[in-house]
Amino acid sequence: RTIFGAEGDFSGTFGLIAGYAVPFEIFGIKFSVGGDVRPMMRVRAPITNANVSTILSIATGGTTSGEDTGTAILNSINAVYGWGLGFDLGATMEIAPFTVGIAVKDLFGTSFEYKTSSLKQLVDSELDFEQGTAVTEQYVITMNIYAGVAWHPDMGFLRYVFDPILHVGLEDPIGVFKYERSPWTLLHVGGEVKLLSMF
């Protein structure tokens, strides 16, 4: 182990989002229902303490088996990578000045089919996700539910100068009641302010 017991992780997700929403009214109440699909490619390279030791050894002039420093470092790190397809659903209801919303992220879970190779092999293949050895473990982003409320007060004429919106959201509300998770660790509070919108 290194003197600091250092470990780390390199990860990146690249994807596209295509979505559609349908607005409608019932008894003067505004609703909107929609969803999206997210094709994604993900790379994850755990950097273990052994990797850190190797990197430090190479960087301080240790053996690289005839390789240049950059190649030796990339060869010492294994990466997992693959494709996934995620689906989200959401709905909002607006009763001024409040808007209530709920969203389901990663509907039924988003699975990734991973392969593995050294980070050097992945870079040399120009991110060819078809090369490498299949990973037997299943990687899934679990489904999550978000619920929130936005308060947009009617500032009258002042809205052209100062127009605030307050957002309060709760992640995994089912877990709060069913699994007794602390709501304080799942609560999100934020806001936005439009200034001088007359320009």
N, C-alpha and C. Protein backbone atom coordinates (compact mmCIF):
# COMPACT_ATOMS: atom_id res chain seq x y z
N ARG A 1 0.84 -1.20 0.00
CA ARG A 1 0.00 0.00 0.00
C ARG A 1 0.87 1.24 0.00
N THR A 2 0.33 2.33 -0.55
CA THR A 2 1.05 3.59 -0.48
C THR A 2 0.91 4.16 0.92
N ILE A 3 1.71 5.16 1.20
CA ILE A 3 1.70 5.74 2.55
C ILE A 3 0.34 6.36 2.87
N PHE A 4 -0.39 6.79 1.83
CA PHE A 4 -1.69 7.43 2.06
C PHE A 4 -2.86 6.46 1.88
N GLY A 5 -2.60 5.22 1.44
CA GLY A 5 -3.70 4.29 1.18
C GLY A 5 -4.64 4.83 0.13
N ALA A 6 -4.10 5.49 -0.89
CA ALA A 6 -4.92 6.21 -1.86
C ALA A 6 -5.63 5.27 -2.83
N GLU A 7 -6.88 5.60 -3.13
CA GLU A 7 -7.65 4.92 -4.14
C GLU A 7 -8.49 5.97 -4.86
N GLY A 8 -9.03 5.62 -6.02
CA GLY A 8 -9.82 6.59 -6.75
C GLY A 8 -10.71 5.91 -7.77
N ASP A 9 -11.33 6.70 -8.60
CA ASP A 9 -12.26 6.18 -9.58
C ASP A 9 -12.38 7.18 -10.71
N PHE A 10 -12.28 6.68 -11.94
CA PHE A 10 -12.53 7.51 -13.12
C PHE A 10 -13.78 6.99 -13.79
N SER A 11 -14.75 7.85 -14.03
CA SER A 11 -15.97 7.40 -14.69
C SER A 11 -16.52 8.51 -15.57
N GLY A 12 -17.21 8.09 -16.62
CA GLY A 12 -17.83 9.05 -17.52
C GLY A 12 -19.03 8.42 -18.19
N THR A 13 -20.07 9.21 -18.39
CA THR A 13 -21.28 8.75 -19.08
C THR A 13 -21.58 9.71 -20.22
N PHE A 14 -21.76 9.15 -21.39
CA PHE A 14 -22.09 9.95 -22.58
C PHE A 14 -23.42 9.44 -23.12
N GLY A 15 -24.31 10.36 -23.46
CA GLY A 15 -25.61 9.89 -23.93
C GLY A 15 -26.41 10.97 -24.63
N LEU A 16 -27.54 10.57 -25.12
CA LEU A 16 -28.50 11.45 -25.76
C LEU A 16 -29.84 11.32 -25.04
N ILE A 17 -30.62 12.38 -25.08
CA ILE A 17 -31.95 12.34 -24.47
C ILE A 17 -32.98 12.79 -25.51
N ALA A 18 -34.00 11.97 -25.71
CA ALA A 18 -35.11 12.35 -26.58
C ALA A 18 -36.40 12.22 -25.77
N GLY A 19 -37.14 13.30 -25.67
CA GLY A 19 -38.33 13.27 -24.84
C GLY A 19 -39.51 13.98 -25.46
N TYR A 20 -40.67 13.75 -24.88
CA TYR A 20 -41.90 14.38 -25.38
C TYR A 20 -42.88 14.54 -24.22
N ALA A 21 -43.57 15.67 -24.18
CA ALA A 21 -44.55 15.93 -23.13
C ALA A 21 -45.84 16.46 -23.75
N VAL A 22 -46.95 16.11 -23.12
CA VAL A 22 -48.27 16.52 -23.60
C VAL A 22 -48.95 17.39 -22.53
N PRO A 23 -49.16 18.67 -22.81
CA PRO A 23 -49.89 19.52 -21.85
C PRO A 23 -51.40 19.46 -22.11
N PHE A 24 -52.17 19.56 -21.04
CA PHE A 24 -53.63 19.58 -21.19
C PHE A 24 -54.24 20.20 -19.93
N GLU A 25 -55.53 20.54 -19.99
CA GLU A 25 -56.23 21.15 -18.86
C GLU A 25 -57.46 20.34 -18.51
N ILE A 26 -57.73 20.25 -17.21
CA ILE A 26 -58.96 19.63 -16.71
C ILE A 26 -59.52 20.56 -15.64
N PHE A 27 -60.75 21.07 -15.88
CA PHE A 27 -61.39 21.99 -14.96
C PHE A 27 -60.48 23.19 -14.63
N GLY A 28 -59.78 23.67 -15.63
CA GLY A 28 -58.94 24.84 -15.44
C GLY A 28 -57.60 24.56 -14.79
N ILE A 29 -57.32 23.30 -14.44
CA ILE A 29 -56.04 22.93 -13.85
C ILE A 29 -55.11 22.44 -14.96
N LYS A 30 -53.91 22.97 -15.00
CA LYS A 30 -52.97 22.62 -16.05
C LYS A 30 -52.17 21.37 -15.67
N PHE A 31 -52.14 20.42 -16.57
CA PHE A 31 -51.37 19.20 -16.38
C PHE A 31 -50.37 19.04 -17.53
N SER A 32 -49.35 18.27 -17.28
CA SER A 32 -48.39 17.92 -18.32
C SER A 32 -47.85 16.53 -18.00
N VAL A 33 -47.86 15.64 -18.99
CA VAL A 33 -47.37 14.27 -18.81
C VAL A 33 -46.38 13.98 -19.94
N GLY A 34 -45.24 13.41 -19.59
CA GLY A 34 -44.26 13.14 -20.62
C GLY A 34 -43.25 12.08 -20.22
N GLY A 35 -42.34 11.85 -21.10
CA GLY A 35 -41.31 10.87 -20.84
C GLY A 35 -40.12 11.07 -21.75
N ASP A 36 -39.05 10.34 -21.49
CA ASP A 36 -37.89 10.42 -22.36
C ASP A 36 -37.16 9.08 -22.40
N VAL A 37 -36.33 8.94 -23.40
CA VAL A 37 -35.49 7.76 -23.55
C VAL A 37 -34.05 8.23 -23.61
N ARG A 38 -33.14 7.49 -22.94
CA ARG A 38 -31.74 7.92 -22.82
C ARG A 38 -30.79 6.78 -23.22
N PRO A 39 -30.36 6.73 -24.48
CA PRO A 39 -29.27 5.79 -24.81
C PRO A 39 -27.96 6.33 -24.25
N MET A 40 -27.20 5.46 -23.55
CA MET A 40 -26.00 5.91 -22.85
C MET A 40 -24.84 4.95 -23.08
N MET A 41 -23.64 5.49 -23.09
CA MET A 41 -22.43 4.70 -23.03
C MET A 41 -21.65 5.14 -21.81
N ARG A 42 -21.17 4.18 -21.04
CA ARG A 42 -20.54 4.49 -19.75
C ARG A 42 -19.19 3.79 -19.64
N VAL A 43 -18.23 4.53 -19.10
CA VAL A 43 -16.89 4.00 -18.84
C VAL A 43 -16.58 4.20 -17.37
N ARG A 44 -16.08 3.15 -16.72
CA ARG A 44 -15.68 3.26 -15.32
C ARG A 44 -14.35 2.55 -15.15
N ALA A 45 -13.39 3.25 -14.54
CA ALA A 45 -12.06 2.69 -14.31
C ALA A 45 -11.69 2.87 -12.84
N PRO A 46 -11.95 1.85 -12.01
CA PRO A 46 -11.56 1.95 -10.61
C PRO A 46 -10.02 1.99 -10.49
N ILE A 47 -9.51 2.93 -9.74
CA ILE A 47 -8.07 3.05 -9.52
C ILE A 47 -7.78 2.58 -8.10
N THR A 48 -7.28 1.36 -8.00
CA THR A 48 -7.04 0.75 -6.70
C THR A 48 -5.73 1.27 -6.10
N ASN A 49 -5.52 0.89 -4.84
CA ASN A 49 -4.28 1.28 -4.19
C ASN A 49 -3.07 0.69 -4.91
N ALA A 50 -3.23 -0.53 -5.45
CA ALA A 50 -2.14 -1.14 -6.22
C ALA A 50 -1.83 -0.34 -7.48
N ASN A 51 -2.91 0.20 -8.14
CA ASN A 51 -2.70 1.04 -9.31
C ASN A 51 -1.92 2.30 -8.93
N VAL A 52 -2.31 2.90 -7.80
CA VAL A 52 -1.62 4.12 -7.36
C VAL A 52 -0.15 3.83 -7.10
N SER A 53 0.13 2.70 -6.47
CA SER A 53 1.52 2.33 -6.20
C SER A 53 2.30 2.18 -7.51
N THR A 54 1.66 1.53 -8.51
CA THR A 54 2.31 1.36 -9.81
C THR A 54 2.55 2.70 -10.48
N ILE A 55 1.55 3.57 -10.44
CA ILE A 55 1.68 4.89 -11.06
C ILE A 55 2.81 5.69 -10.41
N LEU A 56 2.87 5.65 -9.06
CA LEU A 56 3.93 6.37 -8.35
C LEU A 56 5.30 5.79 -8.69
N SER A 57 5.37 4.46 -8.81
CA SER A 57 6.64 3.82 -9.16
C SER A 57 7.10 4.23 -10.55
N ILE A 58 6.13 4.23 -11.50
CA ILE A 58 6.47 4.63 -12.88
C ILE A 58 6.87 6.10 -12.93
N ALA A 59 6.11 6.94 -12.23
CA ALA A 59 6.37 8.38 -12.27
C ALA A 59 7.71 8.75 -11.64
N THR A 60 8.18 7.91 -10.73
CA THR A 60 9.46 8.20 -10.06
C THR A 60 10.62 7.42 -10.67
N GLY A 61 10.38 6.90 -11.89
CA GLY A 61 11.48 6.26 -12.61
C GLY A 61 11.57 4.77 -12.45
N GLY A 62 10.49 4.14 -11.93
CA GLY A 62 10.49 2.69 -11.79
C GLY A 62 10.36 2.00 -13.13
N THR A 63 10.37 0.67 -13.13
CA THR A 63 10.35 -0.08 -14.37
C THR A 63 9.03 0.08 -15.11
N THR A 64 9.10 0.13 -16.42
CA THR A 64 7.92 0.21 -17.28
C THR A 64 7.94 -0.88 -18.33
N SER A 65 8.82 -1.88 -18.19
CA SER A 65 8.93 -3.01 -19.12
C SER A 65 9.13 -2.53 -20.55
N GLY A 66 9.93 -1.49 -20.71
CA GLY A 66 10.22 -0.97 -22.04
C GLY A 66 9.16 -0.04 -22.60
N GLU A 67 8.07 0.18 -21.87
CA GLU A 67 7.00 1.06 -22.35
C GLU A 67 7.28 2.49 -21.93
N ASP A 68 6.69 3.44 -22.67
CA ASP A 68 6.77 4.82 -22.21
C ASP A 68 5.87 4.97 -20.99
N THR A 69 6.05 6.06 -20.26
CA THR A 69 5.34 6.24 -18.98
C THR A 69 3.83 6.22 -19.14
N GLY A 70 3.31 6.95 -20.13
CA GLY A 70 1.86 7.01 -20.33
C GLY A 70 1.26 5.66 -20.65
N THR A 71 1.92 4.90 -21.52
CA THR A 71 1.43 3.57 -21.87
C THR A 71 1.42 2.64 -20.67
N ALA A 72 2.48 2.68 -19.88
CA ALA A 72 2.57 1.82 -18.70
C ALA A 72 1.47 2.14 -17.70
N ILE A 73 1.17 3.41 -17.51
CA ILE A 73 0.12 3.80 -16.57
C ILE A 73 -1.24 3.31 -17.06
N LEU A 74 -1.56 3.51 -18.35
CA LEU A 74 -2.84 3.08 -18.89
C LEU A 74 -2.98 1.56 -18.85
N ASN A 75 -1.88 0.84 -19.07
CA ASN A 75 -1.92 -0.62 -19.02
C ASN A 75 -2.14 -1.14 -17.61
N SER A 76 -1.82 -0.34 -16.59
CA SER A 76 -1.96 -0.80 -15.21
C SER A 76 -3.37 -0.65 -14.67
N ILE A 77 -4.26 0.00 -15.44
CA ILE A 77 -5.62 0.29 -14.98
C ILE A 77 -6.63 -0.48 -15.84
N ASN A 78 -7.49 -1.25 -15.22
CA ASN A 78 -8.56 -1.96 -15.92
C ASN A 78 -9.82 -1.10 -15.96
N ALA A 79 -10.54 -1.18 -17.08
CA ALA A 79 -11.77 -0.40 -17.24
C ALA A 79 -12.93 -1.33 -17.56
N VAL A 80 -14.13 -0.95 -17.13
CA VAL A 80 -15.36 -1.62 -17.57
C VAL A 80 -16.17 -0.59 -18.34
N TYR A 81 -16.87 -1.03 -19.37
CA TYR A 81 -17.57 -0.10 -20.24
C TYR A 81 -18.70 -0.83 -20.96
N GLY A 82 -19.71 -0.07 -21.34
CA GLY A 82 -20.82 -0.70 -22.03
C GLY A 82 -21.95 0.26 -22.32
N TRP A 83 -23.02 -0.29 -22.88
CA TRP A 83 -24.18 0.48 -23.30
C TRP A 83 -25.37 0.23 -22.37
N GLY A 84 -26.23 1.24 -22.27
CA GLY A 84 -27.47 1.08 -21.52
C GLY A 84 -28.56 1.94 -22.13
N LEU A 85 -29.79 1.61 -21.86
CA LEU A 85 -30.93 2.37 -22.38
C LEU A 85 -31.88 2.65 -21.23
N GLY A 86 -32.03 3.93 -20.87
CA GLY A 86 -32.85 4.32 -19.75
C GLY A 86 -34.14 5.00 -20.18
N PHE A 87 -35.18 4.85 -19.35
CA PHE A 87 -36.48 5.47 -19.62
C PHE A 87 -36.92 6.25 -18.38
N ASP A 88 -37.48 7.43 -18.59
CA ASP A 88 -37.99 8.26 -17.50
C ASP A 88 -39.42 8.67 -17.82
N LEU A 89 -40.24 8.82 -16.77
CA LEU A 89 -41.60 9.33 -16.91
C LEU A 89 -41.81 10.45 -15.90
N GLY A 90 -42.69 11.39 -16.24
CA GLY A 90 -42.95 12.47 -15.31
C GLY A 90 -44.29 13.13 -15.57
N ALA A 91 -44.77 13.83 -14.56
CA ALA A 91 -46.04 14.55 -14.68
C ALA A 91 -46.02 15.76 -13.76
N THR A 92 -46.69 16.83 -14.18
CA THR A 92 -46.83 18.02 -13.33
C THR A 92 -48.30 18.46 -13.31
N MET A 93 -48.64 19.12 -12.23
CA MET A 93 -49.97 19.71 -12.08
C MET A 93 -49.78 21.13 -11.54
N GLU A 94 -50.37 22.10 -12.23
CA GLU A 94 -50.18 23.50 -11.85
C GLU A 94 -51.48 24.11 -11.36
N ILE A 95 -51.44 24.55 -10.11
CA ILE A 95 -52.52 25.33 -9.52
C ILE A 95 -51.85 26.57 -8.96
N ALA A 96 -51.83 27.63 -9.74
CA ALA A 96 -51.07 28.83 -9.40
C ALA A 96 -51.35 29.27 -7.96
N PRO A 97 -50.29 29.64 -7.23
CA PRO A 97 -48.89 29.81 -7.65
C PRO A 97 -48.02 28.55 -7.46
N PHE A 98 -48.67 27.37 -7.29
CA PHE A 98 -47.91 26.16 -7.02
C PHE A 98 -47.91 25.22 -8.22
N THR A 99 -46.80 24.51 -8.38
CA THR A 99 -46.72 23.43 -9.36
C THR A 99 -46.19 22.20 -8.63
N VAL A 100 -46.94 21.10 -8.75
CA VAL A 100 -46.56 19.84 -8.11
C VAL A 100 -46.11 18.87 -9.20
N GLY A 101 -45.00 18.20 -8.95
CA GLY A 101 -44.49 17.29 -9.96
C GLY A 101 -43.99 15.98 -9.37
N ILE A 102 -44.00 14.95 -10.22
CA ILE A 102 -43.45 13.65 -9.84
C ILE A 102 -42.72 13.08 -11.04
N ALA A 103 -41.59 12.45 -10.80
CA ALA A 103 -40.80 11.87 -11.88
C ALA A 103 -40.29 10.50 -11.47
N VAL A 104 -40.29 9.59 -12.41
CA VAL A 104 -39.73 8.24 -12.20
C VAL A 104 -38.50 8.13 -13.10
N LYS A 105 -37.34 8.03 -12.48
CA LYS A 105 -36.08 7.92 -13.22
C LYS A 105 -35.67 6.46 -13.35
N ASP A 106 -35.13 6.12 -14.51
CA ASP A 106 -34.66 4.74 -14.77
C ASP A 106 -35.78 3.73 -14.51
N LEU A 107 -36.88 3.90 -15.24
CA LEU A 107 -38.06 3.06 -15.09
C LEU A 107 -37.69 1.57 -15.17
N PHE A 108 -38.06 0.81 -14.15
CA PHE A 108 -37.79 -0.63 -14.03
C PHE A 108 -36.29 -0.96 -13.97
N GLY A 109 -35.46 0.07 -13.76
CA GLY A 109 -34.02 -0.13 -13.68
C GLY A 109 -33.37 -0.07 -15.05
N THR A 110 -32.18 0.52 -15.10
CA THR A 110 -31.44 0.62 -16.36
C THR A 110 -30.23 -0.31 -16.29
N SER A 111 -30.22 -1.32 -17.15
CA SER A 111 -29.15 -2.32 -17.14
C SER A 111 -28.05 -1.94 -18.13
N PHE A 112 -26.82 -2.25 -17.75
CA PHE A 112 -25.67 -2.05 -18.62
C PHE A 112 -25.02 -3.40 -18.91
N GLU A 113 -24.74 -3.66 -20.17
CA GLU A 113 -23.98 -4.83 -20.57
C GLU A 113 -22.51 -4.41 -20.66
N TYR A 114 -21.72 -4.80 -19.67
CA TYR A 114 -20.34 -4.33 -19.58
C TYR A 114 -19.35 -5.33 -20.17
N LYS A 115 -18.26 -4.76 -20.70
CA LYS A 115 -17.08 -5.53 -21.06
C LYS A 115 -15.89 -4.89 -20.34
N THR A 116 -14.77 -5.60 -20.31
CA THR A 116 -13.61 -5.07 -19.60
C THR A 116 -12.34 -5.30 -20.40
N SER A 117 -11.40 -4.39 -20.23
CA SER A 117 -10.06 -4.49 -20.81
C SER A 117 -9.20 -3.46 -20.08
N SER A 118 -7.94 -3.39 -20.43
CA SER A 118 -7.12 -2.33 -19.86
C SER A 118 -7.56 -1.00 -20.46
N LEU A 119 -7.31 0.07 -19.71
CA LEU A 119 -7.66 1.40 -20.21
C LEU A 119 -6.90 1.71 -21.50
N LYS A 120 -5.68 1.18 -21.61
CA LYS A 120 -4.87 1.38 -22.82
C LYS A 120 -5.54 0.74 -24.04
N GLN A 121 -6.05 -0.49 -23.89
CA GLN A 121 -6.72 -1.16 -25.00
C GLN A 121 -7.97 -0.39 -25.43
N LEU A 122 -8.71 0.14 -24.46
CA LEU A 122 -9.92 0.89 -24.78
C LEU A 122 -9.58 2.17 -25.54
N VAL A 123 -8.55 2.87 -25.10
CA VAL A 123 -8.14 4.10 -25.78
C VAL A 123 -7.64 3.79 -27.19
N ASP A 124 -6.83 2.73 -27.32
CA ASP A 124 -6.29 2.36 -28.64
C ASP A 124 -7.38 1.94 -29.62
N SER A 125 -8.49 1.39 -29.10
CA SER A 125 -9.59 0.95 -29.97
C SER A 125 -10.51 2.10 -30.35
N GLU A 126 -10.18 3.33 -29.89
CA GLU A 126 -11.00 4.52 -30.13
C GLU A 126 -12.42 4.31 -29.57
N LEU A 127 -12.44 3.81 -28.34
CA LEU A 127 -13.69 3.58 -27.59
C LEU A 127 -14.62 2.61 -28.32
N ASP A 128 -14.03 1.54 -28.86
CA ASP A 128 -14.83 0.47 -29.45
C ASP A 128 -15.37 -0.41 -28.33
N PHE A 129 -16.66 -0.26 -28.01
CA PHE A 129 -17.25 -0.97 -26.87
C PHE A 129 -17.53 -2.44 -27.18
N GLU A 130 -17.27 -2.87 -28.42
CA GLU A 130 -17.49 -4.27 -28.76
C GLU A 130 -16.28 -5.13 -28.42
N GLN A 131 -15.11 -4.52 -28.30
CA GLN A 131 -13.91 -5.28 -27.95
C GLN A 131 -13.84 -5.47 -26.43
N GLY A 132 -13.03 -6.42 -26.00
CA GLY A 132 -12.89 -6.69 -24.58
C GLY A 132 -13.57 -7.99 -24.17
N THR A 133 -13.49 -8.30 -22.88
CA THR A 133 -14.05 -9.52 -22.32
C THR A 133 -15.35 -9.20 -21.60
N ALA A 134 -16.39 -9.99 -21.86
CA ALA A 134 -17.69 -9.76 -21.24
C ALA A 134 -17.60 -9.90 -19.72
N VAL A 135 -18.30 -9.04 -19.01
CA VAL A 135 -18.36 -9.06 -17.55
C VAL A 135 -19.61 -9.83 -17.13
N THR A 136 -19.45 -10.80 -16.25
CA THR A 136 -20.59 -11.64 -15.86
C THR A 136 -21.53 -10.94 -14.88
N GLU A 137 -20.99 -10.04 -14.05
CA GLU A 137 -21.84 -9.34 -13.09
C GLU A 137 -22.80 -8.41 -13.82
N GLN A 138 -24.00 -8.24 -13.27
CA GLN A 138 -24.98 -7.35 -13.87
C GLN A 138 -24.92 -6.00 -13.18
N TYR A 139 -24.87 -4.96 -13.98
CA TYR A 139 -24.82 -3.58 -13.47
C TYR A 139 -26.15 -2.91 -13.79
N VAL A 140 -26.84 -2.43 -12.75
CA VAL A 140 -28.16 -1.84 -12.93
C VAL A 140 -28.25 -0.54 -12.14
N ILE A 141 -28.75 0.51 -12.80
CA ILE A 141 -29.11 1.74 -12.09
C ILE A 141 -30.54 1.55 -11.62
N THR A 142 -30.74 1.53 -10.32
CA THR A 142 -32.07 1.23 -9.78
C THR A 142 -33.05 2.37 -10.05
N MET A 143 -34.30 2.01 -10.18
CA MET A 143 -35.35 2.99 -10.39
C MET A 143 -35.48 3.89 -9.17
N ASN A 144 -35.74 5.16 -9.42
CA ASN A 144 -35.90 6.10 -8.32
C ASN A 144 -37.07 7.03 -8.62
N ILE A 145 -37.71 7.50 -7.57
CA ILE A 145 -38.87 8.39 -7.70
C ILE A 145 -38.54 9.72 -7.04
N TYR A 146 -38.91 10.80 -7.69
CA TYR A 146 -38.71 12.15 -7.17
C TYR A 146 -40.06 12.87 -7.15
N ALA A 147 -40.35 13.59 -6.08
CA ALA A 147 -41.56 14.38 -5.98
C ALA A 147 -41.17 15.78 -5.50
N GLY A 148 -41.84 16.78 -6.04
CA GLY A 148 -41.46 18.14 -5.66
C GLY A 148 -42.58 19.13 -5.84
N VAL A 149 -42.37 20.30 -5.24
CA VAL A 149 -43.31 21.41 -5.33
C VAL A 149 -42.53 22.68 -5.66
N ALA A 150 -43.07 23.47 -6.57
CA ALA A 150 -42.48 24.78 -6.88
C ALA A 150 -43.48 25.87 -6.53
N TRP A 151 -43.00 26.93 -5.93
CA TRP A 151 -43.84 28.08 -5.58
C TRP A 151 -43.37 29.27 -6.39
N HIS A 152 -44.26 29.78 -7.24
CA HIS A 152 -43.94 30.92 -8.10
C HIS A 152 -44.92 32.05 -7.78
N PRO A 153 -44.59 32.90 -6.82
CA PRO A 153 -45.52 33.96 -6.42
C PRO A 153 -45.75 34.97 -7.53
N ASP A 154 -46.97 35.49 -7.58
CA ASP A 154 -47.30 36.52 -8.56
C ASP A 154 -46.83 37.87 -8.02
N MET A 155 -45.76 38.38 -8.59
CA MET A 155 -45.18 39.63 -8.12
C MET A 155 -45.79 40.86 -8.80
N GLY A 156 -46.81 40.62 -9.63
CA GLY A 156 -47.41 41.74 -10.33
C GLY A 156 -46.41 42.40 -11.27
N PHE A 157 -46.44 43.73 -11.31
CA PHE A 157 -45.53 44.47 -12.19
C PHE A 157 -44.07 44.23 -11.80
N LEU A 158 -43.84 43.93 -10.53
CA LEU A 158 -42.45 43.73 -10.06
C LEU A 158 -41.78 42.51 -10.70
N ARG A 159 -42.59 41.61 -11.33
CA ARG A 159 -41.99 40.41 -11.91
C ARG A 159 -41.02 40.75 -13.04
N TYR A 160 -41.18 41.94 -13.61
CA TYR A 160 -40.25 42.35 -14.67
C TYR A 160 -38.89 42.76 -14.10
N VAL A 161 -38.87 43.02 -12.79
CA VAL A 161 -37.63 43.39 -12.13
C VAL A 161 -37.09 42.24 -11.28
N PHE A 162 -38.00 41.56 -10.60
CA PHE A 162 -37.61 40.51 -9.65
C PHE A 162 -38.68 39.43 -9.67
N ASP A 163 -38.32 38.23 -10.16
CA ASP A 163 -39.31 37.16 -10.33
C ASP A 163 -38.75 35.86 -9.74
N PRO A 164 -39.06 35.54 -8.47
CA PRO A 164 -38.46 34.37 -7.81
C PRO A 164 -39.32 33.11 -7.95
N ILE A 165 -38.66 31.96 -7.89
CA ILE A 165 -39.32 30.65 -7.83
C ILE A 165 -38.58 29.82 -6.78
N LEU A 166 -39.33 29.20 -5.87
CA LEU A 166 -38.75 28.34 -4.84
C LEU A 166 -39.10 26.89 -5.14
N HIS A 167 -38.10 25.99 -5.08
CA HIS A 167 -38.31 24.57 -5.35
C HIS A 167 -38.00 23.75 -4.10
N VAL A 168 -38.87 22.80 -3.80
CA VAL A 168 -38.63 21.85 -2.72
C VAL A 168 -38.91 20.46 -3.27
N GLY A 169 -37.94 19.56 -3.17
CA GLY A 169 -38.11 18.23 -3.72
C GLY A 169 -37.67 17.15 -2.75
N LEU A 170 -38.26 15.97 -2.90
CA LEU A 170 -37.92 14.83 -2.05
C LEU A 170 -37.58 13.64 -2.94
N GLU A 171 -36.39 13.10 -2.74
CA GLU A 171 -35.95 11.92 -3.48
C GLU A 171 -36.40 10.66 -2.75
N ASP A 172 -36.92 9.70 -3.50
CA ASP A 172 -37.35 8.41 -2.94
C ASP A 172 -38.35 8.58 -1.81
N PRO A 173 -39.50 9.21 -2.06
CA PRO A 173 -40.49 9.37 -0.98
C PRO A 173 -41.04 8.04 -0.46
N ILE A 174 -41.08 7.01 -1.33
CA ILE A 174 -41.55 5.70 -0.87
C ILE A 174 -40.61 5.13 0.20
N GLY A 175 -39.30 5.33 -0.01
CA GLY A 175 -38.32 4.84 0.95
C GLY A 175 -38.45 5.50 2.31
N VAL A 176 -38.93 6.75 2.33
CA VAL A 176 -39.10 7.46 3.60
C VAL A 176 -40.15 6.76 4.46
N PHE A 177 -41.25 6.32 3.83
CA PHE A 177 -42.34 5.71 4.58
C PHE A 177 -42.16 4.20 4.74
N LYS A 178 -41.70 3.53 3.67
CA LYS A 178 -41.61 2.07 3.71
C LYS A 178 -40.36 1.58 4.42
N TYR A 179 -39.23 2.27 4.19
CA TYR A 179 -37.96 1.80 4.76
C TYR A 179 -37.43 2.74 5.84
N GLU A 180 -38.24 3.75 6.21
CA GLU A 180 -37.89 4.68 7.29
C GLU A 180 -36.56 5.39 7.03
N ARG A 181 -36.31 5.73 5.77
CA ARG A 181 -35.13 6.53 5.45
C ARG A 181 -35.35 7.95 5.94
N SER A 182 -34.29 8.60 6.37
CA SER A 182 -34.41 9.96 6.89
C SER A 182 -34.74 10.93 5.75
N PRO A 183 -35.84 11.67 5.86
CA PRO A 183 -36.19 12.61 4.79
C PRO A 183 -35.19 13.75 4.66
N TRP A 184 -34.46 14.04 5.73
CA TRP A 184 -33.52 15.16 5.69
C TRP A 184 -32.35 14.87 4.76
N THR A 185 -31.99 13.61 4.59
CA THR A 185 -30.89 13.27 3.68
C THR A 185 -31.37 13.19 2.23
N LEU A 186 -32.68 13.22 2.03
CA LEU A 186 -33.24 13.09 0.68
C LEU A 186 -33.92 14.37 0.22
N LEU A 187 -33.90 15.40 1.07
CA LEU A 187 -34.59 16.65 0.77
C LEU A 187 -33.70 17.59 -0.03
N HIS A 188 -34.26 18.20 -1.07
CA HIS A 188 -33.54 19.16 -1.90
C HIS A 188 -34.33 20.47 -1.93
N VAL A 189 -33.64 21.56 -1.66
CA VAL A 189 -34.27 22.88 -1.67
C VAL A 189 -33.45 23.79 -2.55
N GLY A 190 -34.12 24.52 -3.41
CA GLY A 190 -33.41 25.43 -4.30
C GLY A 190 -34.30 26.55 -4.77
N GLY A 191 -33.76 27.42 -5.54
CA GLY A 191 -34.54 28.55 -6.05
C GLY A 191 -33.89 29.16 -7.27
N GLU A 192 -34.66 29.98 -7.92
CA GLU A 192 -34.13 30.75 -9.06
C GLU A 192 -34.80 32.11 -9.07
N VAL A 193 -34.09 33.08 -9.59
CA VAL A 193 -34.60 34.44 -9.65
C VAL A 193 -34.31 35.04 -11.02
N LYS A 194 -35.33 35.52 -11.67
CA LYS A 194 -35.14 36.25 -12.93
C LYS A 194 -35.09 37.72 -12.60
N LEU A 195 -34.06 38.39 -13.09
CA LEU A 195 -33.87 39.82 -12.85
C LEU A 195 -33.97 40.61 -14.14
N LEU A 196 -34.67 41.73 -14.06
CA LEU A 196 -34.74 42.68 -15.18
C LEU A 196 -35.16 41.98 -16.48
N SER A 197 -36.24 41.18 -16.40
CA SER A 197 -36.68 40.41 -17.57
C SER A 197 -37.32 41.29 -18.64
N MET A 198 -37.57 42.56 -18.34
CA MET A 198 -38.14 43.44 -19.37
C MET A 198 -37.15 43.68 -20.49
N PHE A 199 -35.86 43.36 -20.24
CA PHE A 199 -34.86 43.54 -21.29
C PHE A 199 -34.66 42.24 -22.07
